[in-house]
C-alpha atoms as a PDB file:
ATOM      1  CA  MET A   1       0.560  28.022 -14.647  1.00  0.00           C
ATOM      2  CA  THR A   2      -1.025  24.571 -14.683  1.00  0.00           C
ATOM      3  CA  THR A   3      -2.973  23.751 -17.817  1.00  0.00           C
ATOM      4  CA  SER A   4      -6.336  22.044 -17.835  1.00  0.00           C
ATOM      5  CA  THR A   5      -4.715  18.953 -19.361  1.00  0.00           C
ATOM      6  CA  GLU A   6      -2.169  18.748 -16.535  1.00  0.00           C
ATOM      7  CA  ALA A   7      -4.924  19.130 -13.922  1.00  0.00           C
ATOM      8  CA  SER A   8      -6.929  16.419 -15.657  1.00  0.00           C
ATOM      9  CA  GLY A   9      -3.950  14.082 -15.533  1.00  0.00           C
ATOM     10  CA  LEU A  10      -3.465  14.777 -11.837  1.00  0.00           C
ATOM     11  CA  HIS A  11      -7.122  13.974 -11.162  1.00  0.00           C
ATOM     12  CA  GLN A  12      -6.723  10.748 -13.128  1.00  0.00           C
ATOM     13  CA  GLN A  13      -3.734   9.797 -10.965  1.00  0.00           C
ATOM     14  CA  ALA A  14      -5.740  10.598  -7.821  1.00  0.00           C
ATOM     15  CA  ALA A  15      -8.647   8.445  -9.000  1.00  0.00           C
ATOM     16  CA  GLN A  16      -6.305   5.539  -9.694  1.00  0.00           C
ATOM     17  CA  ALA A  17      -4.725   5.911  -6.250  1.00  0.00           C
ATOM     18  CA  HIS A  18      -8.160   5.857  -4.597  1.00  0.00           C
ATOM     19  CA  GLU A  19      -9.140   2.786  -6.635  1.00  0.00           C
ATOM     20  CA  SER A  20      -5.988   1.047  -5.444  1.00  0.00           C
ATOM     21  CA  ALA A  21      -6.826   1.892  -1.843  1.00  0.00           C
ATOM     22  CA  ALA A  22     -10.361   0.553  -2.300  1.00  0.00           C
ATOM     23  CA  LYS A  23      -8.963  -2.694  -3.735  1.00  0.00           C
ATOM     24  CA  HIS A  24      -6.778  -3.191  -0.659  1.00  0.00           C
ATOM     25  CA  HIS A  25      -9.674  -2.374   1.693  1.00  0.00           C
ATOM     26  CA  LYS A  26     -11.804  -5.023  -0.051  1.00  0.00           C
ATOM     27  CA  MET A  27      -8.987  -7.541   0.225  1.00  0.00           C
ATOM     28  CA  ALA A  28      -8.691  -6.790   3.948  1.00  0.00           C
ATOM     29  CA  MET A  29     -12.448  -7.225   4.350  1.00  0.00           C
ATOM     30  CA  ASP A  30     -12.392 -10.557   2.517  1.00  0.00           C
ATOM     31  CA  ASN A  31      -9.480 -11.784   4.620  1.00  0.00           C
ATOM     32  CA  HIS A  32     -11.244 -10.778   7.834  1.00  0.00           C
ATOM     33  CA  ASN A  33     -14.370 -12.601   6.693  1.00  0.00           C
ATOM     34  CA  LYS A  34     -12.251 -15.720   6.090  1.00  0.00           C
ATOM     35  CA  ASN A  35     -10.452 -15.312   9.446  1.00  0.00           C
ATOM     36  CA  ASN A  36      -7.131 -14.908   7.635  1.00  0.00           C
ATOM     37  CA  LEU A  37      -5.893 -12.374  10.145  1.00  0.00           C
ATOM     38  CA  SER A  38      -2.309 -12.278   8.944  1.00  0.00           C
ATOM     39  CA  ASP A  39      -3.410 -11.572   5.382  1.00  0.00           C
ATOM     40  CA  ALA A  40      -5.974  -9.055   6.649  1.00  0.00           C
ATOM     41  CA  LYS A  41      -3.245  -7.213   8.521  1.00  0.00           C
ATOM     42  CA  ASP A  42      -1.062  -7.119   5.415  1.00  0.00           C
ATOM     43  CA  SER A  43      -3.941  -5.864   3.252  1.00  0.00           C
ATOM     44  CA  SER A  44      -4.828  -3.262   5.873  1.00  0.00           C
ATOM     45  CA  LYS A  45      -1.272  -1.926   5.851  1.00  0.00           C
ATOM     46  CA  LYS A  46      -1.346  -1.717   2.063  1.00  0.00           C
ATOM     47  CA  ALA A  47      -4.731   0.035   2.223  1.00  0.00           C
ATOM     48  CA  LEU A  48      -3.390   2.589   4.686  1.00  0.00           C
ATOM     49  CA  ASP A  49      -0.343   3.285   2.543  1.00  0.00           C
ATOM     50  CA  ALA A  50      -2.521   3.624  -0.564  1.00  0.00           C
ATOM     51  CA  CYS A  51      -4.921   5.969   1.258  1.00  0.00           C
ATOM     52  CA  GLN A  52      -2.095   8.224   2.346  1.00  0.00           C
ATOM     53  CA  SER A  53      -0.723   8.333  -1.187  1.00  0.00           C
ATOM     54  CA  ALA A  54      -4.178   8.983  -2.615  1.00  0.00           C
ATOM     55  CA  GLN A  55      -4.732  11.848  -0.184  1.00  0.00           C
ATOM     56  CA  LYS A  56      -1.521  13.558  -1.265  1.00  0.00           C
ATOM     57  CA  THR A  57      -2.349  13.046  -4.938  1.00  0.00           C
ATOM     58  CA  SER A  58      -5.855  14.427  -4.399  1.00  0.00           C
ATOM     59  CA  GLU A  59      -4.494  17.542  -2.716  1.00  0.00           C
ATOM     60  CA  THR A  60      -2.135  18.146  -5.625  1.00  0.00           C
ATOM     61  CA  ALA A  61      -4.898  17.615  -8.197  1.00  0.00           C
ATOM     62  CA  CYS A  62      -7.381  19.863  -6.433  1.00  0.00           C
ATOM     63  CA  SER A  63      -4.762  22.588  -5.951  1.00  0.00           C
ATOM     64  CA  ALA A  64      -3.984  22.442  -9.671  1.00  0.00           C
ATOM     65  CA  SER A  65      -7.666  22.893 -10.493  1.00  0.00           C
ATOM     66  CA  ALA A  66      -7.962  25.854  -8.149  1.00  0.00           C
ATOM     67  CA  LYS A  67      -5.277  27.825 -10.012  1.00  0.00           C
END
């Protein structure tokens, strides 16, 4: 059985993963605005990877809370 403390920690990890994704999205936006397309592409890839990781972490956290 997952304890409340463990679920809280999982939600904290999910929040951090989403914050990381947001950071990369903002970097991609800034690079697009500066016409730095190569850097924008790199930031977009990092944002996508971070989003996918955040999604998995969110699913784990929410499943732990549902128990």
